[in-house]
C-alpha atoms as a PDB file:
ATOM      1  CA  MET A   1      30.834  59.909  51.413  1.00  0.00           C
ATOM      2  CA  ALA A   2      32.614  57.705  48.864  1.00  0.00           C
ATOM      3  CA  HIS A   3      30.662  56.233  45.963  1.00  0.00           C
ATOM      4  CA  TYR A   4      31.463  52.622  45.199  1.00  0.00           C
ATOM      5  CA  LEU A   5      30.559  50.830  42.001  1.00  0.00           C
ATOM      6  CA  THR A   6      28.396  47.763  42.264  1.00  0.00           C
ATOM      7  CA  ALA A   7      28.921  44.652  40.172  1.00  0.00           C
ATOM      8  CA  GLU A   8      25.912  45.653  38.038  1.00  0.00           C
ATOM      9  CA  ASP A   9      27.446  49.067  37.334  1.00  0.00           C
ATOM     10  CA  VAL A  10      30.722  47.495  36.257  1.00  0.00           C
ATOM     11  CA  ARG A  11      28.956  44.994  33.965  1.00  0.00           C
ATOM     12  CA  ALA A  12      26.892  47.788  32.415  1.00  0.00           C
ATOM     13  CA  ARG A  13      30.005  49.855  31.702  1.00  0.00           C
ATOM     14  CA  ILE A  14      31.772  46.874  30.131  1.00  0.00           C
ATOM     15  CA  GLU A  15      28.765  46.147  27.891  1.00  0.00           C
ATOM     16  CA  LYS A  16      28.599  49.800  26.854  1.00  0.00           C
ATOM     17  CA  LYS A  17      32.300  49.755  25.974  1.00  0.00           C
ATOM     18  CA  LYS A  18      31.956  46.540  23.964  1.00  0.00           C
ATOM     19  CA  LYS A  19      29.161  48.097  21.867  1.00  0.00           C
ATOM     20  CA  GLN A  20      31.517  50.734  20.433  1.00  0.00           C
ATOM     21  CA  ARG A  21      32.023  50.519  16.670  1.00  0.00           C
ATOM     22  CA  LYS A  22      35.788  50.083  16.880  1.00  0.00           C
ATOM     23  CA  TYR A  23      35.321  46.625  18.427  1.00  0.00           C
ATOM     24  CA  HIS A  24      32.967  45.450  15.638  1.00  0.00           C
ATOM     25  CA  LEU A  25      35.267  46.009  12.656  1.00  0.00           C
ATOM     26  CA  PRO A  26      37.029  43.160  10.806  1.00  0.00           C
ATOM     27  CA  VAL A  27      40.601  42.422  11.930  1.00  0.00           C
ATOM     28  CA  ILE A  28      43.426  40.253  10.680  1.00  0.00           C
ATOM     29  CA  GLY A  29      45.647  38.254  13.023  1.00  0.00           C
ATOM     30  CA  TYR A  30      49.092  37.218  11.784  1.00  0.00           C
ATOM     31  CA  PHE A  31      49.889  34.016  13.675  1.00  0.00           C
ATOM     32  CA  ALA A  32      53.215  32.188  13.284  1.00  0.00           C
ATOM     33  CA  GLU A  33      52.041  29.767  10.633  1.00  0.00           C
ATOM     34  CA  ARG A  34      48.960  31.445   9.135  1.00  0.00           C
ATOM     35  CA  THR A  35      46.860  34.564   8.756  1.00  0.00           C
ATOM     36  CA  VAL A  36      43.275  34.601  10.055  1.00  0.00           C
ATOM     37  CA  LEU A  37      40.509  37.107   9.265  1.00  0.00           C
ATOM     38  CA  PHE A  38      38.011  37.715  12.068  1.00  0.00           C
ATOM     39  CA  ASP A  39      34.677  39.529  11.681  1.00  0.00           C
ATOM     40  CA  SER A  40      35.303  41.660  14.767  1.00  0.00           C
ATOM     41  CA  ILE A  41      37.760  42.269  17.574  1.00  0.00           C
ATOM     42  CA  LEU A  42      35.315  40.682  20.013  1.00  0.00           C
ATOM     43  CA  GLN A  43      35.178  37.488  17.915  1.00  0.00           C
ATOM     44  CA  ALA A  44      38.986  37.428  17.756  1.00  0.00           C
ATOM     45  CA  SER A  45      39.156  37.902  21.517  1.00  0.00           C
ATOM     46  CA  GLU A  46      36.812  34.975  22.148  1.00  0.00           C
ATOM     47  CA  ALA A  47      38.680  32.705  19.724  1.00  0.00           C
ATOM     48  CA  THR A  48      42.198  33.504  20.971  1.00  0.00           C
ATOM     49  CA  GLY A  49      41.674  34.402  24.633  1.00  0.00           C
ATOM     50  CA  ILE A  50      43.480  37.739  24.166  1.00  0.00           C
ATOM     51  CA  HIS A  51      41.753  40.740  25.767  1.00  0.00           C
ATOM     52  CA  TYR A  52      39.842  42.856  23.227  1.00  0.00           C
ATOM     53  CA  SER A  53      41.446  46.135  24.298  1.00  0.00           C
ATOM     54  CA  LEU A  54      44.925  44.697  23.699  1.00  0.00           C
ATOM     55  CA  ILE A  55      43.885  43.610  20.202  1.00  0.00           C
ATOM     56  CA  PHE A  56      42.544  47.124  19.529  1.00  0.00           C
ATOM     57  CA  GLU A  57      45.771  48.754  20.717  1.00  0.00           C
ATOM     58  CA  ALA A  58      47.786  46.419  18.479  1.00  0.00           C
ATOM     59  CA  CYS A  59      45.528  47.262  15.513  1.00  0.00           C
ATOM     60  CA  ILE A  60      46.141  50.993  15.831  1.00  0.00           C
ATOM     61  CA  GLY A  61      49.850  50.581  16.419  1.00  0.00           C
ATOM     62  CA  LYS A  62      49.950  51.623  20.054  1.00  0.00           C
ATOM     63  CA  ILE A  63      51.634  48.306  20.854  1.00  0.00           C
ATOM     64  CA  TYR A  64      53.399  45.999  18.403  1.00  0.00           C
ATOM     65  CA  LYS A  65      51.871  42.640  19.344  1.00  0.00           C
ATOM     66  CA  ALA A  66      49.053  41.340  21.497  1.00  0.00           C
ATOM     67  CA  GLY A  67      49.467  37.786  22.697  1.00  0.00           C
ATOM     68  CA  ASN A  68      52.466  37.157  20.429  1.00  0.00           C
ATOM     69  CA  VAL A  69      50.252  37.902  17.402  1.00  0.00           C
ATOM     70  CA  VAL A  70      50.487  40.897  15.075  1.00  0.00           C
ATOM     71  CA  TRP A  71      47.042  42.465  14.566  1.00  0.00           C
ATOM     72  CA  GLU A  72      45.658  44.997  12.108  1.00  0.00           C
ATOM     73  CA  TYR A  73      42.307  46.204  10.893  1.00  0.00           C
ATOM     74  CA  GLN A  74      41.242  44.914   7.513  1.00  0.00           C
ATOM     75  CA  LYS A  75      42.125  47.857   5.264  1.00  0.00           C
ATOM     76  CA  GLY A  76      39.489  50.519   4.773  1.00  0.00           C
ATOM     77  CA  ASN A  77      38.340  53.942   5.903  1.00  0.00           C
ATOM     78  CA  HIS A  78      37.920  52.819   9.512  1.00  0.00           C
ATOM     79  CA  TYR A  79      41.571  51.717   9.606  1.00  0.00           C
ATOM     80  CA  ILE A  80      42.774  55.108   8.384  1.00  0.00           C
ATOM     81  CA  LYS A  81      40.439  56.957  10.760  1.00  0.00           C
ATOM     82  CA  TYR A  82      41.491  55.155  13.952  1.00  0.00           C
ATOM     83  CA  LYS A  83      45.183  54.978  13.042  1.00  0.00           C
ATOM     84  CA  ALA A  84      45.317  58.712  12.218  1.00  0.00           C
ATOM     85  CA  TYR A  85      43.450  59.669  15.402  1.00  0.00           C
ATOM     86  CA  TYR A  86      45.822  57.793  17.703  1.00  0.00           C
ATOM     87  CA  ILE A  87      48.929  58.951  15.852  1.00  0.00           C
ATOM     88  CA  ASN A  88      47.772  62.576  16.245  1.00  0.00           C
ATOM     89  CA  ILE A  89      47.071  62.090  19.946  1.00  0.00           C
ATOM     90  CA  GLN A  90      50.506  60.507  20.440  1.00  0.00           C
ATOM     91  CA  ASP A  91      52.225  63.417  18.660  1.00  0.00           C
ATOM     92  CA  LYS A  92      50.433  66.011  20.815  1.00  0.00           C
ATOM     93  CA  TYR A  93      51.071  64.244  24.126  1.00  0.00           C
ATOM     94  CA  THR A  94      53.733  65.739  26.392  1.00  0.00           C
ATOM     95  CA  ARG A  95      54.634  64.663  29.916  1.00  0.00           C
ATOM     96  CA  TYR A  96      54.774  67.551  32.350  1.00  0.00           C
ATOM     97  CA  SER A  97      56.268  65.622  35.259  1.00  0.00           C
ATOM     98  CA  ASN A  98      58.459  62.626  35.818  1.00  0.00           C
ATOM     99  CA  PHE A  99      57.225  59.028  35.860  1.00  0.00           C
ATOM    100  CA  ASN A 100      56.613  58.981  39.595  1.00  0.00           C
ATOM    101  CA  GLY A 101      54.216  61.863  39.616  1.00  0.00           C
END
């Protein structure tokens, strides 16, 4: 029998994901006319309307921009840690089949 997620399960998983440390680190958004420092990715997401996971991916360099804004972590050990981790994962990744499966 198939197991379906309820709305409560989905909300609980989202809250658990949002509690991760990587979403509570200071970030800098480079808008067209100015630079803004946010206390966390979640605060930046609320202020700009850009999804928090897109901001995170832009911070680590997985994508170049999120919402037409360049994002990066405020420099520090956390920046080096996350950036290095995702660069290493990207270097090790190999596709064993074509794009259609």
